């Protein structure tokens, strides 16, 4: 059992999916951030007083200018060392062109097969493979 007393960082992320693809963020190429120039699931830190779901909704609005109307489905919660991760999934109901990227250097809708041609944050790759392998079909 993970040691919840060791948790120092709490993060919430949302796998946005559409037509068998997931939306990924191309992280900035800056040395002061974790995993620069890699592809990642959209999300970020949970602020004091926020629930994981509130943080996930806020992050999507801040990073994409998108106010999610589809429900957030919790798909994973785990503690990895000092990081506690809450991962949700939500259907992306708008065209990619209607989103405004406000953080990162790009975004792409990616299939499971295309995922391997992107340098994806290691922890996110495992989550995405589970999503493509099992969970996405339950949500369709």
Protein backbone atom coordinates (compact mmCIF):
# COMPACT_ATOMS: atom_id res chain seq x y z
CA UNK A 1 0.00 0.00 0.00
CA UNK A 2 1.41 3.44 -0.94
CA UNK A 3 2.38 5.77 1.88
CA UNK A 4 -0.05 8.69 1.64
CA UNK A 5 1.99 10.57 4.29
CA UNK A 6 4.83 10.90 1.74
CA UNK A 7 2.63 12.72 -0.82
CA UNK A 8 3.91 16.21 -1.54
CA UNK A 9 2.40 16.85 -4.97
CA UNK A 10 -1.22 16.25 -5.96
CA UNK A 11 -2.16 16.43 -9.62
CA UNK A 12 -5.33 16.00 -11.66
CA UNK A 13 -5.43 15.19 -15.36
CA UNK A 14 -8.11 14.66 -17.99
CA UNK A 15 -7.90 12.33 -20.94
CA UNK A 16 -10.05 14.05 -23.54
CA UNK A 17 -11.14 11.54 -26.18
CA UNK A 18 -12.87 11.81 -29.53
CA UNK A 19 -13.43 9.25 -32.30
CA UNK A 20 -10.93 6.72 -30.91
CA UNK A 21 -8.23 9.32 -30.31
CA UNK A 22 -6.96 11.18 -27.26
CA UNK A 23 -5.91 14.81 -27.04
CA UNK A 24 -2.30 15.33 -25.96
CA UNK A 25 -0.39 18.48 -25.06
CA UNK A 26 3.10 19.11 -26.43
CA UNK A 27 4.84 20.51 -23.36
CA UNK A 28 7.04 23.59 -23.59
CA UNK A 29 10.74 23.04 -24.23
CA UNK A 30 11.98 24.76 -21.06
CA UNK A 31 14.58 23.35 -18.67
CA UNK A 32 12.63 24.54 -15.60
CA UNK A 33 9.69 22.17 -16.14
CA UNK A 34 9.37 18.42 -15.81
CA UNK A 35 9.50 16.48 -19.08
CA UNK A 36 10.21 19.43 -21.41
CA UNK A 37 9.36 18.94 -25.09
CA UNK A 38 7.35 15.76 -24.35
CA UNK A 39 3.70 14.97 -24.98
CA UNK A 40 1.36 14.68 -21.99
CA UNK A 41 -2.20 14.39 -20.78
CA UNK A 42 -3.68 17.82 -20.03
CA UNK A 43 -3.81 18.68 -16.32
CA UNK A 44 -1.85 20.12 -13.43
CA UNK A 45 -1.50 20.68 -9.72
CA UNK A 46 -4.43 20.57 -7.33
CA UNK A 47 -4.60 23.83 -5.40
CA UNK A 48 -5.33 24.02 -1.67
CA UNK A 49 -9.05 23.71 -1.05
CA UNK A 50 -9.79 22.14 -4.44
CA UNK A 51 -11.14 18.68 -5.03
CA UNK A 52 -9.39 16.67 -7.75
CA UNK A 53 -12.42 17.10 -10.02
CA UNK A 54 -12.47 20.89 -9.50
CA UNK A 55 -8.75 21.04 -10.30
CA UNK A 56 -9.22 18.95 -13.45
CA UNK A 57 -12.01 21.21 -14.71
CA UNK A 58 -10.00 24.35 -13.91
CA UNK A 59 -6.88 23.03 -15.65
CA UNK A 60 -8.79 22.20 -18.84
CA UNK A 61 -10.32 25.66 -18.89
CA UNK A 62 -6.95 27.33 -18.23
CA UNK A 63 -5.00 25.26 -20.76
CA UNK A 64 -7.57 24.98 -23.56
CA UNK A 65 -10.21 27.63 -22.93
CA UNK A 66 -12.69 24.75 -22.72
CA UNK A 67 -15.49 24.54 -20.20
CA UNK A 68 -16.28 20.86 -20.12
CA UNK A 69 -19.94 19.93 -20.34
CA UNK A 70 -19.49 16.18 -20.56
CA UNK A 71 -19.05 14.48 -17.19
CA UNK A 72 -15.62 13.64 -15.82
CA UNK A 73 -15.27 9.91 -15.30
CA UNK A 74 -12.63 8.93 -12.73
CA UNK A 75 -10.43 6.26 -14.31
CA UNK A 76 -7.32 6.12 -12.16
CA UNK A 77 -6.05 7.20 -8.76
CA UNK A 78 -2.62 6.23 -7.56
CA UNK A 79 0.35 7.37 -5.53
CA UNK A 80 3.78 7.18 -7.12
CA UNK A 81 6.43 8.23 -4.63
CA UNK A 82 5.67 11.80 -3.64
CA UNK A 83 3.04 12.34 -6.37
CA UNK A 84 -0.64 11.55 -6.00
CA UNK A 85 -2.36 11.36 -9.38
CA UNK A 86 -6.08 11.61 -10.15
CA UNK A 87 -6.93 10.85 -13.78
CA UNK A 88 -10.32 11.47 -15.34
CA UNK A 89 -11.71 10.93 -18.83
CA UNK A 90 -14.18 13.09 -20.71
CA UNK A 91 -15.53 13.07 -24.22
CA UNK A 92 -14.23 15.97 -26.34
CA UNK A 93 -17.42 17.24 -27.97
CA UNK A 94 -15.99 20.19 -29.91
CA UNK A 95 -13.71 20.27 -32.95
CA UNK A 96 -9.99 20.60 -32.25
CA UNK A 97 -9.98 23.90 -34.15
CA UNK A 98 -12.32 25.47 -31.59
CA UNK A 99 -9.79 24.99 -28.76
CA UNK A 100 -7.31 27.68 -27.80
CA UNK A 101 -4.01 26.28 -26.59
CA UNK A 102 -2.89 28.50 -23.71
CA UNK A 103 -0.10 26.33 -22.32
CA UNK A 104 2.44 24.26 -24.20
CA UNK A 105 3.70 24.39 -27.75
CA UNK A 106 1.09 22.23 -29.46
CA UNK A 107 -1.66 19.66 -29.22
CA UNK A 108 -2.75 16.65 -31.24
CA UNK A 109 -5.48 14.05 -31.35
CA UNK A 110 -3.65 10.73 -31.36
CA UNK A 111 -4.66 7.09 -31.89
CA UNK A 112 -3.15 4.22 -29.92
CA UNK A 113 -1.00 3.30 -32.94
CA UNK A 114 0.27 6.87 -33.38
CA UNK A 115 1.13 7.17 -29.69
CA UNK A 116 4.42 5.33 -30.21
CA UNK A 117 5.73 8.02 -32.57
CA UNK A 118 5.42 10.71 -29.89
CA UNK A 119 7.83 11.16 -26.96
CA UNK A 120 5.22 10.82 -24.20
CA UNK A 121 5.83 11.46 -20.50
CA UNK A 122 6.61 8.01 -19.13
CA UNK A 123 3.92 7.89 -16.43
CA UNK A 124 1.34 9.17 -18.90
CA UNK A 125 2.21 6.51 -21.48
CA UNK A 126 1.21 3.73 -19.08
CA UNK A 127 -2.06 5.48 -18.26
CA UNK A 128 -2.83 6.06 -21.95
CA UNK A 129 -2.10 2.47 -22.89
CA UNK A 130 -4.48 1.28 -20.18
CA UNK A 131 -7.08 3.75 -21.44
CA UNK A 132 -6.75 2.59 -25.04
CA UNK A 133 -6.60 -1.06 -24.03
CA UNK A 134 -9.58 -1.24 -21.70
CA UNK A 135 -11.29 1.89 -20.57
CA UNK A 136 -12.12 3.83 -23.72
CA UNK A 137 -14.44 1.09 -24.96
CA UNK A 138 -16.37 1.12 -21.69
CA UNK A 139 -16.98 4.85 -22.12
CA UNK A 140 -18.19 4.73 -25.73
